[in-house]
Amino acid sequence: MKQANLGLNVEQLAERQQWLQHQASRLIADLGLMELLSVAGEPRLTGSAELELMVWPDVDLEVVAPGTPEMAPAVEIVRHLMLDADVHIGKLNIADERQTTRPDIPRGIYIGPDVTHEGLDWQVDIWIVDPEQAAERHRLAAGIRAKLDPENRRTILELKQILAASDRYHRGISSVDLYTAVLDRGVVDLDGFVRYLGESGRTL
């Protein structure tokens, strides 16, 4: 989702990250998401909320199915969110991507409600995936977390704030691209990230 550049400095971004982390926990608790998602498997927090690198009110969750993800539990989750949830769901997308060949998304079932909670409009992304994919995604996240330190966290938050205003962010350019550029290639500013993208023929 494209966002406006907030124009925050490093200290303000760090404070916003902590605040969003707290608000995300409240959203998950008030929606009863962990209990609800457990009908499809084992739910866990992923993405920027797991890594504590939040800039915008979006939260990613993954549900590890016991085997191949099944549509029936996903439909039950959607039914509950649309009919029983105690918050405003403005829009909800569901997609069967179990046979996808796209390299940028998992092979699984996607549920994406847009939720208004305590005055904030949240984008919630839920993926139901098989154990093999979940293990690989967990390994990738653990590798990222192991490389994070206070300095590169600040760099990532600053660049995320800028990149969120680009039409290409999350459409051919992902947060993982940013993490790789900063943590593995030593990128410290926007010009460096643009050069990094250029190596694979991409631009902002």
N, C-alpha and C. Protein backbone atom coordinates (compact mmCIF):
# COMPACT_ATOMS: atom_id res chain seq x y z
N MET A 1 0.85 -1.19 0.00
CA MET A 1 0.00 0.00 0.00
C MET A 1 0.89 1.25 0.00
N LYS A 2 0.70 2.13 -0.99
CA LYS A 2 1.49 3.35 -1.06
C LYS A 2 1.12 4.29 0.08
N GLN A 3 2.16 4.91 0.68
CA GLN A 3 1.95 5.81 1.80
C GLN A 3 2.70 7.11 1.54
N ALA A 4 2.27 8.18 2.20
CA ALA A 4 3.00 9.44 2.12
C ALA A 4 4.23 9.39 3.01
N ASN A 5 5.28 10.10 2.60
CA ASN A 5 6.47 10.21 3.44
C ASN A 5 6.11 11.00 4.70
N LEU A 6 6.33 10.42 5.86
CA LEU A 6 5.96 11.08 7.11
C LEU A 6 6.87 12.24 7.47
N GLY A 7 8.10 12.22 6.94
CA GLY A 7 9.05 13.28 7.24
C GLY A 7 9.56 13.26 8.67
N LEU A 8 9.61 12.08 9.27
CA LEU A 8 10.06 11.96 10.65
C LEU A 8 11.58 11.79 10.72
N ASN A 9 12.17 12.27 11.81
CA ASN A 9 13.60 12.04 12.00
C ASN A 9 13.81 10.66 12.65
N VAL A 10 15.07 10.31 12.86
CA VAL A 10 15.38 8.97 13.34
C VAL A 10 14.75 8.69 14.70
N GLU A 11 14.83 9.65 15.62
CA GLU A 11 14.25 9.45 16.95
C GLU A 11 12.74 9.28 16.88
N GLN A 12 12.09 10.09 16.04
CA GLN A 12 10.65 9.99 15.89
C GLN A 12 10.23 8.66 15.26
N LEU A 13 11.02 8.18 14.31
CA LEU A 13 10.73 6.88 13.69
C LEU A 13 10.85 5.75 14.72
N ALA A 14 11.86 5.84 15.58
CA ALA A 14 12.03 4.82 16.61
C ALA A 14 10.85 4.84 17.59
N GLU A 15 10.39 6.03 17.95
CA GLU A 15 9.24 6.14 18.84
C GLU A 15 7.98 5.61 18.16
N ARG A 16 7.84 5.93 16.88
CA ARG A 16 6.66 5.45 16.14
C ARG A 16 6.68 3.92 16.03
N GLN A 17 7.87 3.36 15.82
CA GLN A 17 7.98 1.91 15.74
C GLN A 17 7.48 1.27 17.02
N GLN A 18 7.90 1.79 18.17
CA GLN A 18 7.49 1.22 19.44
C GLN A 18 5.98 1.37 19.65
N TRP A 19 5.46 2.52 19.26
CA TRP A 19 4.02 2.76 19.40
C TRP A 19 3.22 1.81 18.52
N LEU A 20 3.65 1.66 17.25
CA LEU A 20 2.95 0.75 16.34
C LEU A 20 3.03 -0.69 16.83
N GLN A 21 4.16 -1.05 17.40
CA GLN A 21 4.32 -2.40 17.94
C GLN A 21 3.27 -2.65 19.03
N HIS A 22 3.09 -1.66 19.90
CA HIS A 22 2.10 -1.76 20.97
C HIS A 22 0.69 -1.83 20.38
N GLN A 23 0.40 -0.98 19.40
CA GLN A 23 -0.93 -0.96 18.80
C GLN A 23 -1.22 -2.25 18.05
N ALA A 24 -0.21 -2.82 17.41
CA ALA A 24 -0.40 -4.10 16.71
C ALA A 24 -0.76 -5.20 17.69
N SER A 25 -0.12 -5.21 18.84
CA SER A 25 -0.44 -6.21 19.87
C SER A 25 -1.87 -6.05 20.34
N ARG A 26 -2.32 -4.81 20.51
CA ARG A 26 -3.70 -4.55 20.92
C ARG A 26 -4.68 -5.01 19.84
N LEU A 27 -4.37 -4.73 18.59
CA LEU A 27 -5.23 -5.15 17.48
C LEU A 27 -5.38 -6.66 17.46
N ILE A 28 -4.26 -7.36 17.55
CA ILE A 28 -4.29 -8.83 17.51
C ILE A 28 -5.08 -9.38 18.68
N ALA A 29 -4.89 -8.79 19.87
CA ALA A 29 -5.61 -9.26 21.06
C ALA A 29 -7.10 -8.97 20.95
N ASP A 30 -7.45 -7.76 20.53
CA ASP A 30 -8.87 -7.38 20.48
C ASP A 30 -9.63 -8.16 19.41
N LEU A 31 -8.94 -8.53 18.33
CA LEU A 31 -9.58 -9.34 17.28
C LEU A 31 -9.57 -10.82 17.65
N GLY A 32 -8.80 -11.18 18.66
CA GLY A 32 -8.66 -12.60 18.99
C GLY A 32 -8.04 -13.38 17.84
N LEU A 33 -7.09 -12.73 17.15
CA LEU A 33 -6.58 -13.32 15.91
C LEU A 33 -5.85 -14.63 16.13
N MET A 34 -5.04 -14.73 17.17
CA MET A 34 -4.27 -15.95 17.36
C MET A 34 -5.20 -17.15 17.58
N GLU A 35 -6.23 -16.96 18.38
CA GLU A 35 -7.19 -18.04 18.60
C GLU A 35 -7.98 -18.34 17.33
N LEU A 36 -8.41 -17.29 16.65
CA LEU A 36 -9.19 -17.48 15.43
C LEU A 36 -8.39 -18.22 14.37
N LEU A 37 -7.14 -17.81 14.15
CA LEU A 37 -6.33 -18.40 13.09
C LEU A 37 -5.93 -19.83 13.40
N SER A 38 -6.00 -20.22 14.67
CA SER A 38 -5.58 -21.56 15.05
C SER A 38 -6.47 -22.65 14.45
N VAL A 39 -7.64 -22.28 13.91
CA VAL A 39 -8.48 -23.29 13.24
C VAL A 39 -7.80 -23.81 11.98
N ALA A 40 -6.83 -23.05 11.45
CA ALA A 40 -6.15 -23.45 10.21
C ALA A 40 -4.75 -23.97 10.47
N GLY A 41 -4.25 -23.85 11.71
CA GLY A 41 -2.89 -24.29 11.99
C GLY A 41 -2.30 -23.51 13.14
N GLU A 42 -0.98 -23.35 13.13
CA GLU A 42 -0.27 -22.65 14.20
C GLU A 42 0.05 -21.23 13.76
N PRO A 43 -0.59 -20.21 14.35
CA PRO A 43 -0.35 -18.83 13.92
C PRO A 43 0.87 -18.22 14.59
N ARG A 44 1.53 -17.31 13.86
CA ARG A 44 2.65 -16.57 14.45
C ARG A 44 2.81 -15.25 13.72
N LEU A 45 3.37 -14.31 14.45
CA LEU A 45 3.64 -12.98 13.92
C LEU A 45 4.86 -13.05 12.99
N THR A 46 4.79 -12.34 11.86
CA THR A 46 5.91 -12.31 10.93
C THR A 46 6.13 -10.87 10.47
N GLY A 47 7.02 -10.69 9.50
CA GLY A 47 7.21 -9.40 8.87
C GLY A 47 7.80 -8.35 9.78
N SER A 48 7.46 -7.10 9.51
CA SER A 48 8.06 -5.97 10.23
C SER A 48 7.69 -5.96 11.71
N ALA A 49 6.52 -6.49 12.05
CA ALA A 49 6.13 -6.55 13.45
C ALA A 49 7.00 -7.55 14.21
N GLU A 50 7.29 -8.69 13.60
CA GLU A 50 8.16 -9.67 14.24
C GLU A 50 9.57 -9.10 14.41
N LEU A 51 10.05 -8.37 13.38
CA LEU A 51 11.42 -7.84 13.41
C LEU A 51 11.53 -6.51 14.14
N GLU A 52 10.40 -5.95 14.55
CA GLU A 52 10.35 -4.65 15.22
C GLU A 52 10.93 -3.56 14.31
N LEU A 53 10.40 -3.54 13.08
CA LEU A 53 10.82 -2.55 12.08
C LEU A 53 9.59 -1.91 11.45
N MET A 54 8.62 -1.55 12.28
CA MET A 54 7.36 -1.01 11.76
C MET A 54 7.44 0.49 11.53
N VAL A 55 6.91 0.91 10.40
CA VAL A 55 6.79 2.34 10.07
C VAL A 55 5.33 2.70 9.82
N TRP A 56 4.56 1.73 9.30
CA TRP A 56 3.16 1.96 8.96
C TRP A 56 2.29 0.94 9.68
N PRO A 57 0.99 1.21 9.81
CA PRO A 57 0.09 0.27 10.49
C PRO A 57 -0.27 -0.92 9.59
N ASP A 58 0.70 -1.78 9.39
CA ASP A 58 0.42 -3.03 8.70
C ASP A 58 1.06 -4.17 9.50
N VAL A 59 0.38 -5.29 9.53
CA VAL A 59 0.85 -6.40 10.35
C VAL A 59 0.70 -7.70 9.55
N ASP A 60 1.74 -8.52 9.61
CA ASP A 60 1.77 -9.79 8.88
C ASP A 60 1.69 -10.95 9.86
N LEU A 61 0.86 -11.92 9.50
CA LEU A 61 0.76 -13.13 10.29
C LEU A 61 0.84 -14.33 9.36
N GLU A 62 1.39 -15.40 9.88
CA GLU A 62 1.51 -16.64 9.13
C GLU A 62 0.85 -17.75 9.93
N VAL A 63 0.14 -18.61 9.23
CA VAL A 63 -0.46 -19.78 9.87
C VAL A 63 0.18 -21.01 9.25
N VAL A 64 0.84 -21.80 10.09
CA VAL A 64 1.50 -23.01 9.61
C VAL A 64 0.49 -24.15 9.67
N ALA A 65 0.00 -24.54 8.50
CA ALA A 65 -0.96 -25.63 8.43
C ALA A 65 -0.27 -26.96 8.73
N PRO A 66 -1.00 -27.96 9.19
CA PRO A 66 -0.38 -29.26 9.47
C PRO A 66 0.09 -29.98 8.22
N GLY A 67 -0.43 -29.58 7.08
CA GLY A 67 -0.04 -30.15 5.79
C GLY A 67 -0.33 -29.12 4.71
N THR A 68 -0.89 -29.57 3.60
CA THR A 68 -1.31 -28.62 2.56
C THR A 68 -2.44 -27.75 3.10
N PRO A 69 -2.36 -26.42 2.96
CA PRO A 69 -3.43 -25.55 3.46
C PRO A 69 -4.78 -25.91 2.85
N GLU A 70 -5.80 -25.91 3.70
CA GLU A 70 -7.15 -26.25 3.27
C GLU A 70 -8.01 -24.99 3.21
N MET A 71 -8.93 -24.95 2.24
CA MET A 71 -9.77 -23.77 2.06
C MET A 71 -10.85 -23.64 3.12
N ALA A 72 -11.37 -24.75 3.63
CA ALA A 72 -12.49 -24.68 4.58
C ALA A 72 -12.15 -23.85 5.83
N PRO A 73 -11.01 -24.08 6.49
CA PRO A 73 -10.68 -23.24 7.65
C PRO A 73 -10.49 -21.77 7.27
N ALA A 74 -9.94 -21.51 6.08
CA ALA A 74 -9.76 -20.13 5.64
C ALA A 74 -11.11 -19.43 5.49
N VAL A 75 -12.07 -20.13 4.94
CA VAL A 75 -13.42 -19.55 4.78
C VAL A 75 -14.05 -19.29 6.14
N GLU A 76 -13.81 -20.17 7.11
CA GLU A 76 -14.34 -19.97 8.47
C GLU A 76 -13.72 -18.72 9.11
N ILE A 77 -12.44 -18.50 8.88
CA ILE A 77 -11.77 -17.29 9.38
C ILE A 77 -12.40 -16.05 8.78
N VAL A 78 -12.61 -16.08 7.46
CA VAL A 78 -13.21 -14.94 6.77
C VAL A 78 -14.62 -14.69 7.29
N ARG A 79 -15.39 -15.75 7.45
CA ARG A 79 -16.76 -15.60 7.95
C ARG A 79 -16.77 -14.91 9.31
N HIS A 80 -15.88 -15.34 10.19
CA HIS A 80 -15.83 -14.74 11.52
C HIS A 80 -15.43 -13.26 11.44
N LEU A 81 -14.43 -12.95 10.64
CA LEU A 81 -13.97 -11.57 10.55
C LEU A 81 -15.06 -10.65 10.02
N MET A 82 -15.83 -11.13 9.04
CA MET A 82 -16.85 -10.28 8.41
C MET A 82 -18.14 -10.20 9.23
N LEU A 83 -18.45 -11.25 9.97
CA LEU A 83 -19.75 -11.28 10.66
C LEU A 83 -19.66 -11.10 12.16
N ASP A 84 -18.58 -11.56 12.77
CA ASP A 84 -18.52 -11.60 14.23
C ASP A 84 -17.49 -10.67 14.85
N ALA A 85 -16.54 -10.20 14.07
CA ALA A 85 -15.46 -9.38 14.65
C ALA A 85 -16.03 -8.10 15.22
N ASP A 86 -15.44 -7.66 16.34
CA ASP A 86 -15.92 -6.49 17.06
C ASP A 86 -15.23 -5.21 16.61
N VAL A 87 -14.72 -5.19 15.40
CA VAL A 87 -14.08 -4.01 14.82
C VAL A 87 -14.60 -3.82 13.41
N HIS A 88 -14.29 -2.66 12.82
CA HIS A 88 -14.76 -2.38 11.47
C HIS A 88 -13.81 -2.96 10.44
N ILE A 89 -14.33 -3.86 9.61
CA ILE A 89 -13.58 -4.42 8.48
C ILE A 89 -14.05 -3.70 7.23
N GLY A 90 -13.20 -2.83 6.69
CA GLY A 90 -13.61 -2.06 5.53
C GLY A 90 -13.62 -2.87 4.25
N LYS A 91 -12.65 -3.77 4.12
CA LYS A 91 -12.52 -4.59 2.91
C LYS A 91 -11.76 -5.84 3.30
N LEU A 92 -12.07 -6.94 2.61
CA LEU A 92 -11.33 -8.17 2.89
C LEU A 92 -11.10 -8.92 1.59
N ASN A 93 -9.86 -9.28 1.35
CA ASN A 93 -9.50 -10.07 0.17
C ASN A 93 -9.12 -11.48 0.60
N ILE A 94 -9.51 -12.46 -0.20
CA ILE A 94 -9.06 -13.83 0.01
C ILE A 94 -8.62 -14.38 -1.35
N ALA A 95 -7.50 -15.08 -1.36
CA ALA A 95 -6.97 -15.59 -2.63
C ALA A 95 -6.38 -16.97 -2.43
N ASP A 96 -6.71 -17.87 -3.35
CA ASP A 96 -6.13 -19.21 -3.34
C ASP A 96 -4.87 -19.19 -4.21
N GLU A 97 -3.72 -19.14 -3.56
CA GLU A 97 -2.44 -19.10 -4.27
C GLU A 97 -1.65 -20.40 -4.06
N ARG A 98 -2.36 -21.49 -3.80
CA ARG A 98 -1.68 -22.74 -3.51
C ARG A 98 -0.92 -23.29 -4.72
N GLN A 99 -1.31 -22.89 -5.92
CA GLN A 99 -0.63 -23.36 -7.13
C GLN A 99 0.14 -22.25 -7.82
N THR A 100 0.38 -21.16 -7.14
CA THR A 100 1.03 -20.03 -7.79
C THR A 100 2.46 -20.37 -8.23
N THR A 101 2.88 -19.72 -9.30
CA THR A 101 4.27 -19.83 -9.75
C THR A 101 5.01 -18.52 -9.54
N ARG A 102 4.35 -17.55 -8.90
CA ARG A 102 5.00 -16.27 -8.64
C ARG A 102 6.08 -16.45 -7.58
N PRO A 103 7.27 -15.89 -7.82
CA PRO A 103 8.35 -16.07 -6.85
C PRO A 103 8.25 -15.14 -5.64
N ASP A 104 7.39 -14.12 -5.72
CA ASP A 104 7.35 -13.10 -4.67
C ASP A 104 6.28 -13.35 -3.61
N ILE A 105 5.50 -14.41 -3.73
CA ILE A 105 4.49 -14.72 -2.73
C ILE A 105 4.55 -16.20 -2.39
N PRO A 106 4.06 -16.59 -1.21
CA PRO A 106 4.05 -18.01 -0.85
C PRO A 106 3.01 -18.79 -1.67
N ARG A 107 3.17 -20.10 -1.66
CA ARG A 107 2.13 -20.98 -2.19
C ARG A 107 1.21 -21.32 -1.01
N GLY A 108 0.09 -20.65 -0.97
CA GLY A 108 -0.81 -20.85 0.16
C GLY A 108 -2.10 -20.10 -0.05
N ILE A 109 -2.80 -19.86 1.04
CA ILE A 109 -4.07 -19.13 1.02
C ILE A 109 -3.85 -17.79 1.70
N TYR A 110 -4.26 -16.73 1.02
CA TYR A 110 -4.08 -15.36 1.54
C TYR A 110 -5.40 -14.81 2.03
N ILE A 111 -5.37 -14.18 3.19
CA ILE A 111 -6.53 -13.45 3.73
C ILE A 111 -6.04 -12.07 4.11
N GLY A 112 -6.68 -11.03 3.57
CA GLY A 112 -6.21 -9.67 3.81
C GLY A 112 -7.32 -8.72 4.19
N PRO A 113 -7.65 -8.63 5.48
CA PRO A 113 -8.65 -7.65 5.90
C PRO A 113 -8.04 -6.27 6.14
N ASP A 114 -8.74 -5.23 5.74
CA ASP A 114 -8.40 -3.86 6.12
C ASP A 114 -9.24 -3.52 7.35
N VAL A 115 -8.58 -3.24 8.47
CA VAL A 115 -9.25 -3.13 9.76
C VAL A 115 -9.06 -1.73 10.34
N THR A 116 -10.13 -1.12 10.80
CA THR A 116 -10.03 0.13 11.55
C THR A 116 -10.12 -0.19 13.03
N HIS A 117 -9.06 0.18 13.76
CA HIS A 117 -8.98 -0.17 15.18
C HIS A 117 -8.38 0.99 15.95
N GLU A 118 -9.12 1.51 16.91
CA GLU A 118 -8.68 2.63 17.74
C GLU A 118 -8.18 3.81 16.90
N GLY A 119 -8.93 4.09 15.83
CA GLY A 119 -8.63 5.25 14.99
C GLY A 119 -7.57 5.04 13.94
N LEU A 120 -6.99 3.84 13.89
CA LEU A 120 -5.95 3.54 12.89
C LEU A 120 -6.50 2.59 11.85
N ASP A 121 -6.16 2.84 10.58
CA ASP A 121 -6.53 1.94 9.49
C ASP A 121 -5.37 0.97 9.25
N TRP A 122 -5.62 -0.30 9.55
CA TRP A 122 -4.59 -1.33 9.47
C TRP A 122 -4.75 -2.18 8.21
N GLN A 123 -3.63 -2.50 7.61
CA GLN A 123 -3.60 -3.53 6.58
C GLN A 123 -3.06 -4.80 7.24
N VAL A 124 -3.88 -5.84 7.26
CA VAL A 124 -3.49 -7.11 7.87
C VAL A 124 -3.31 -8.14 6.76
N ASP A 125 -2.13 -8.75 6.71
CA ASP A 125 -1.83 -9.77 5.70
C ASP A 125 -1.62 -11.10 6.40
N ILE A 126 -2.45 -12.07 6.05
CA ILE A 126 -2.40 -13.40 6.66
C ILE A 126 -2.13 -14.42 5.56
N TRP A 127 -1.11 -15.25 5.76
CA TRP A 127 -0.82 -16.34 4.83
C TRP A 127 -0.92 -17.67 5.56
N ILE A 128 -1.69 -18.59 4.99
CA ILE A 128 -1.74 -19.96 5.49
C ILE A 128 -0.84 -20.80 4.57
N VAL A 129 0.21 -21.38 5.13
CA VAL A 129 1.21 -22.07 4.32
C VAL A 129 1.52 -23.44 4.92
N ASP A 130 2.21 -24.27 4.14
CA ASP A 130 2.59 -25.60 4.62
C ASP A 130 3.86 -25.52 5.47
N PRO A 131 4.16 -26.56 6.24
CA PRO A 131 5.31 -26.51 7.15
C PRO A 131 6.65 -26.26 6.46
N GLU A 132 6.82 -26.79 5.27
CA GLU A 132 8.10 -26.62 4.57
C GLU A 132 8.36 -25.15 4.25
N GLN A 133 7.36 -24.49 3.70
CA GLN A 133 7.53 -23.06 3.40
C GLN A 133 7.69 -22.24 4.67
N ALA A 134 6.94 -22.58 5.70
CA ALA A 134 7.04 -21.85 6.96
C ALA A 134 8.44 -21.95 7.54
N ALA A 135 9.04 -23.13 7.46
CA ALA A 135 10.38 -23.31 7.99
C ALA A 135 11.39 -22.45 7.24
N GLU A 136 11.25 -22.35 5.93
CA GLU A 136 12.16 -21.53 5.14
C GLU A 136 11.96 -20.05 5.45
N ARG A 137 10.73 -19.61 5.59
CA ARG A 137 10.45 -18.22 5.92
C ARG A 137 10.95 -17.87 7.32
N HIS A 138 10.83 -18.83 8.24
CA HIS A 138 11.33 -18.61 9.60
C HIS A 138 12.86 -18.52 9.59
N ARG A 139 13.50 -19.36 8.80
CA ARG A 139 14.97 -19.32 8.69
C ARG A 139 15.43 -17.97 8.14
N LEU A 140 14.73 -17.46 7.13
CA LEU A 140 15.08 -16.16 6.54
C LEU A 140 14.93 -15.05 7.58
N ALA A 141 13.82 -15.05 8.33
CA ALA A 141 13.59 -14.01 9.34
C ALA A 141 14.63 -14.09 10.45
N ALA A 142 15.00 -15.30 10.86
CA ALA A 142 16.01 -15.46 11.91
C ALA A 142 17.35 -14.92 11.45
N GLY A 143 17.68 -15.13 10.17
CA GLY A 143 18.93 -14.61 9.62
C GLY A 143 18.95 -13.09 9.61
N ILE A 144 17.83 -12.49 9.28
CA ILE A 144 17.72 -11.03 9.29
C ILE A 144 17.87 -10.50 10.70
N ARG A 145 17.13 -11.09 11.64
CA ARG A 145 17.16 -10.62 13.03
C ARG A 145 18.57 -10.70 13.61
N ALA A 146 19.32 -11.75 13.26
CA ALA A 146 20.66 -11.92 13.81
C ALA A 146 21.62 -10.82 13.38
N LYS A 147 21.33 -10.17 12.25
CA LYS A 147 22.22 -9.13 11.71
C LYS A 147 21.82 -7.72 12.15
N LEU A 148 20.67 -7.59 12.78
CA LEU A 148 20.19 -6.26 13.14
C LEU A 148 20.96 -5.70 14.34
N ASP A 149 21.25 -4.41 14.26
CA ASP A 149 21.82 -3.69 15.39
C ASP A 149 21.19 -2.30 15.41
N PRO A 150 21.41 -1.51 16.45
CA PRO A 150 20.74 -0.20 16.54
C PRO A 150 20.99 0.69 15.31
N GLU A 151 22.20 0.66 14.76
CA GLU A 151 22.51 1.54 13.63
C GLU A 151 21.78 1.12 12.37
N ASN A 152 21.86 -0.18 12.01
CA ASN A 152 21.19 -0.56 10.77
C ASN A 152 19.67 -0.58 10.92
N ARG A 153 19.18 -0.74 12.15
CA ARG A 153 17.73 -0.58 12.35
C ARG A 153 17.29 0.83 11.98
N ARG A 154 18.06 1.82 12.43
CA ARG A 154 17.71 3.22 12.10
C ARG A 154 17.74 3.45 10.60
N THR A 155 18.74 2.89 9.92
CA THR A 155 18.83 3.04 8.47
C THR A 155 17.62 2.43 7.79
N ILE A 156 17.23 1.25 8.22
CA ILE A 156 16.07 0.57 7.61
C ILE A 156 14.79 1.38 7.83
N LEU A 157 14.59 1.89 9.03
CA LEU A 157 13.39 2.68 9.30
C LEU A 157 13.36 3.94 8.44
N GLU A 158 14.50 4.60 8.31
CA GLU A 158 14.57 5.81 7.48
C GLU A 158 14.23 5.50 6.03
N LEU A 159 14.82 4.43 5.50
CA LEU A 159 14.59 4.08 4.10
C LEU A 159 13.16 3.58 3.88
N LYS A 160 12.62 2.85 4.83
CA LYS A 160 11.23 2.40 4.71
C LYS A 160 10.28 3.58 4.60
N GLN A 161 10.54 4.61 5.39
CA GLN A 161 9.69 5.79 5.34
C GLN A 161 9.69 6.41 3.95
N ILE A 162 10.85 6.44 3.31
CA ILE A 162 10.96 7.00 1.96
C ILE A 162 10.34 6.08 0.92
N LEU A 163 10.67 4.79 1.00
CA LEU A 163 10.24 3.83 -0.01
C LEU A 163 8.74 3.62 -0.04
N ALA A 164 8.10 3.79 1.12
CA ALA A 164 6.65 3.57 1.17
C ALA A 164 5.88 4.53 0.28
N ALA A 165 6.51 5.64 -0.10
CA ALA A 165 5.85 6.60 -0.98
C ALA A 165 6.02 6.24 -2.46
N SER A 166 6.76 5.16 -2.75
CA SER A 166 7.00 4.74 -4.12
C SER A 166 5.96 3.74 -4.59
N ASP A 167 5.51 3.88 -5.84
CA ASP A 167 4.56 2.92 -6.40
C ASP A 167 5.17 1.53 -6.55
N ARG A 168 6.50 1.44 -6.58
CA ARG A 168 7.16 0.15 -6.80
C ARG A 168 7.33 -0.66 -5.52
N TYR A 169 7.24 0.00 -4.37
CA TYR A 169 7.44 -0.73 -3.11
C TYR A 169 6.31 -1.73 -2.91
N HIS A 170 6.67 -2.98 -2.68
CA HIS A 170 5.76 -4.11 -2.59
C HIS A 170 5.17 -4.48 -3.95
N ARG A 171 5.68 -3.89 -5.00
CA ARG A 171 5.29 -4.28 -6.36
C ARG A 171 6.57 -4.44 -7.18
N GLY A 172 7.32 -5.47 -6.87
CA GLY A 172 8.60 -5.70 -7.52
C GLY A 172 9.79 -5.34 -6.65
N ILE A 173 9.55 -4.56 -5.59
CA ILE A 173 10.58 -4.23 -4.61
C ILE A 173 10.00 -4.52 -3.23
N SER A 174 10.68 -5.38 -2.48
CA SER A 174 10.12 -5.84 -1.22
C SER A 174 10.94 -5.37 -0.03
N SER A 175 10.39 -5.57 1.16
CA SER A 175 11.14 -5.27 2.37
C SER A 175 12.39 -6.14 2.46
N VAL A 176 12.31 -7.37 1.97
CA VAL A 176 13.49 -8.25 1.99
C VAL A 176 14.60 -7.66 1.13
N ASP A 177 14.25 -7.02 0.00
CA ASP A 177 15.26 -6.33 -0.80
C ASP A 177 15.97 -5.27 0.04
N LEU A 178 15.19 -4.52 0.80
CA LEU A 178 15.77 -3.47 1.64
C LEU A 178 16.66 -4.08 2.72
N TYR A 179 16.18 -5.13 3.37
CA TYR A 179 16.98 -5.75 4.43
C TYR A 179 18.29 -6.31 3.86
N THR A 180 18.22 -6.94 2.70
CA THR A 180 19.43 -7.48 2.07
C THR A 180 20.41 -6.37 1.73
N ALA A 181 19.89 -5.28 1.17
CA ALA A 181 20.76 -4.17 0.77
C ALA A 181 21.48 -3.58 1.97
N VAL A 182 20.75 -3.36 3.06
CA VAL A 182 21.34 -2.73 4.24
C VAL A 182 22.22 -3.71 5.02
N LEU A 183 21.74 -4.91 5.26
CA LEU A 183 22.42 -5.84 6.15
C LEU A 183 23.55 -6.60 5.48
N ASP A 184 23.41 -6.87 4.17
CA ASP A 184 24.42 -7.68 3.48
C ASP A 184 25.32 -6.85 2.56
N ARG A 185 24.80 -5.71 2.09
CA ARG A 185 25.57 -4.93 1.13
C ARG A 185 26.04 -3.60 1.69
N GLY A 186 25.67 -3.29 2.91
CA GLY A 186 26.14 -2.08 3.56
C GLY A 186 25.52 -0.79 3.06
N VAL A 187 24.35 -0.86 2.44
CA VAL A 187 23.66 0.35 1.97
C VAL A 187 23.25 1.20 3.17
N VAL A 188 23.48 2.51 3.08
CA VAL A 188 23.17 3.40 4.21
C VAL A 188 22.26 4.56 3.81
N ASP A 189 21.94 4.69 2.50
CA ASP A 189 21.10 5.81 2.09
C ASP A 189 20.33 5.43 0.82
N LEU A 190 19.44 6.33 0.40
CA LEU A 190 18.58 6.06 -0.75
C LEU A 190 19.39 5.87 -2.03
N ASP A 191 20.41 6.70 -2.24
CA ASP A 191 21.22 6.55 -3.44
C ASP A 191 21.85 5.16 -3.51
N GLY A 192 22.32 4.67 -2.37
CA GLY A 192 22.91 3.33 -2.34
C GLY A 192 21.89 2.26 -2.65
N PHE A 193 20.66 2.44 -2.17
CA PHE A 193 19.62 1.45 -2.46
C PHE A 193 19.24 1.47 -3.93
N VAL A 194 19.19 2.65 -4.51
CA VAL A 194 18.88 2.76 -5.95
C VAL A 194 19.96 2.05 -6.76
N ARG A 195 21.23 2.23 -6.38
CA ARG A 195 22.31 1.53 -7.07
C ARG A 195 22.18 0.01 -6.91
N TYR A 196 21.80 -0.41 -5.71
CA TYR A 196 21.59 -1.84 -5.46
C TYR A 196 20.50 -2.40 -6.38
N LEU A 197 19.40 -1.67 -6.50
CA LEU A 197 18.31 -2.13 -7.38
C LEU A 197 18.77 -2.17 -8.84
N GLY A 198 19.59 -1.20 -9.21
CA GLY A 198 20.07 -1.13 -10.58
C GLY A 198 20.85 -2.35 -11.01
N GLU A 199 21.47 -3.03 -10.05
CA GLU A 199 22.25 -4.22 -10.37
C GLU A 199 21.37 -5.34 -10.91
N SER A 200 20.08 -5.31 -10.57
CA SER A 200 19.13 -6.32 -11.09
C SER A 200 18.15 -5.71 -12.07
N GLY A 201 18.49 -4.52 -12.61
CA GLY A 201 17.67 -3.90 -13.63
C GLY A 201 16.39 -3.29 -13.13
N ARG A 202 16.35 -2.96 -11.83
CA ARG A 202 15.15 -2.36 -11.26
C ARG A 202 15.38 -0.92 -10.88
N THR A 203 14.30 -0.15 -10.80
CA THR A 203 14.36 1.24 -10.37
C THR A 203 13.19 1.51 -9.43
N LEU A 204 13.28 2.62 -8.72
CA LEU A 204 12.16 3.05 -7.87
C LEU A 204 11.11 3.75 -8.74
